[in-house]
Protein backbone atom coordinates (compact mmCIF):
# COMPACT_ATOMS: atom_id res chain seq x y z
CA UNK A 1 68.83 -11.46 -21.83
CA UNK A 2 67.62 -10.29 -25.22
CA UNK A 3 69.03 -6.76 -25.18
CA UNK A 4 71.36 -7.46 -28.10
CA UNK A 5 68.44 -8.78 -30.20
CA UNK A 6 66.04 -5.85 -29.90
CA UNK A 7 65.55 -3.52 -32.86
CA UNK A 8 64.70 0.05 -31.83
CA UNK A 9 62.08 2.10 -33.63
CA UNK A 10 64.11 4.61 -35.61
CA UNK A 11 63.02 7.57 -37.74
CA UNK A 12 63.47 5.35 -40.83
CA UNK A 13 61.11 2.74 -39.37
CA UNK A 14 58.56 5.37 -38.32
CA UNK A 15 58.55 6.80 -41.85
CA UNK A 16 58.15 3.33 -43.38
CA UNK A 17 55.33 2.62 -40.93
CA UNK A 18 53.58 5.75 -42.15
CA UNK A 19 53.97 4.71 -45.80
CA UNK A 20 52.62 1.22 -45.09
CA UNK A 21 49.46 2.74 -43.59
CA UNK A 22 48.44 4.53 -46.80
CA UNK A 23 45.79 4.22 -48.13
CA UNK A 24 44.49 1.66 -45.61
CA UNK A 25 45.79 1.63 -42.03
CA UNK A 26 47.28 -1.53 -40.57
CA UNK A 27 46.81 -2.64 -36.97
CA UNK A 28 49.43 -0.71 -34.98
CA UNK A 29 51.63 -3.59 -33.81
CA UNK A 30 51.44 -5.44 -37.13
CA UNK A 31 52.38 -2.25 -38.97
CA UNK A 32 55.34 -1.56 -36.71
CA UNK A 33 56.61 -5.11 -37.05
CA UNK A 34 56.26 -4.99 -40.84
CA UNK A 35 58.00 -1.61 -41.05
CA UNK A 36 60.85 -2.85 -38.86
CA UNK A 37 61.29 -5.99 -40.94
CA UNK A 38 61.20 -3.99 -44.18
CA UNK A 39 63.72 -1.41 -42.96
CA UNK A 40 66.15 -4.14 -41.90
CA UNK A 41 65.58 -6.43 -44.89
CA UNK A 42 64.20 -9.19 -42.67
CA UNK A 43 61.48 -11.81 -43.00
CA UNK A 44 58.58 -11.27 -40.61
CA UNK A 45 57.68 -14.47 -38.78
CA UNK A 46 54.05 -14.30 -37.70
CA UNK A 47 50.90 -16.33 -37.58
CA UNK A 48 48.91 -13.26 -38.64
CA UNK A 49 49.96 -13.01 -42.27
CA UNK A 50 46.60 -11.63 -43.47
CA UNK A 51 47.10 -8.13 -42.03
CA UNK A 52 50.63 -7.65 -43.36
CA UNK A 53 50.49 -9.51 -46.68
CA UNK A 54 49.92 -6.30 -48.65
CA UNK A 55 53.09 -4.65 -47.29
CA UNK A 56 55.46 -6.59 -49.53
CA UNK A 57 57.48 -7.76 -46.53
CA UNK A 58 58.64 -11.38 -46.85
CA UNK A 59 56.48 -13.48 -44.51
CA UNK A 60 56.84 -16.83 -42.81
CA UNK A 61 53.99 -18.47 -40.91
CA UNK A 62 55.61 -21.12 -38.69
CA UNK A 63 52.21 -22.74 -38.10
CA UNK A 64 51.65 -23.69 -41.74
């Protein structure tokens, strides 16, 4: 059960997601993950660092 580990999409995250998409849109899921990480002060762990590198969110690629 992961219910206590899920982070909901809040108004703060939705607003950050919008800011991250200007001037160039991000892929939807990557943008939402980056906005969520940024809003919570977290490091985003992903193999796809290319799409979110410009967001300023700390990134960790576990495959490197």
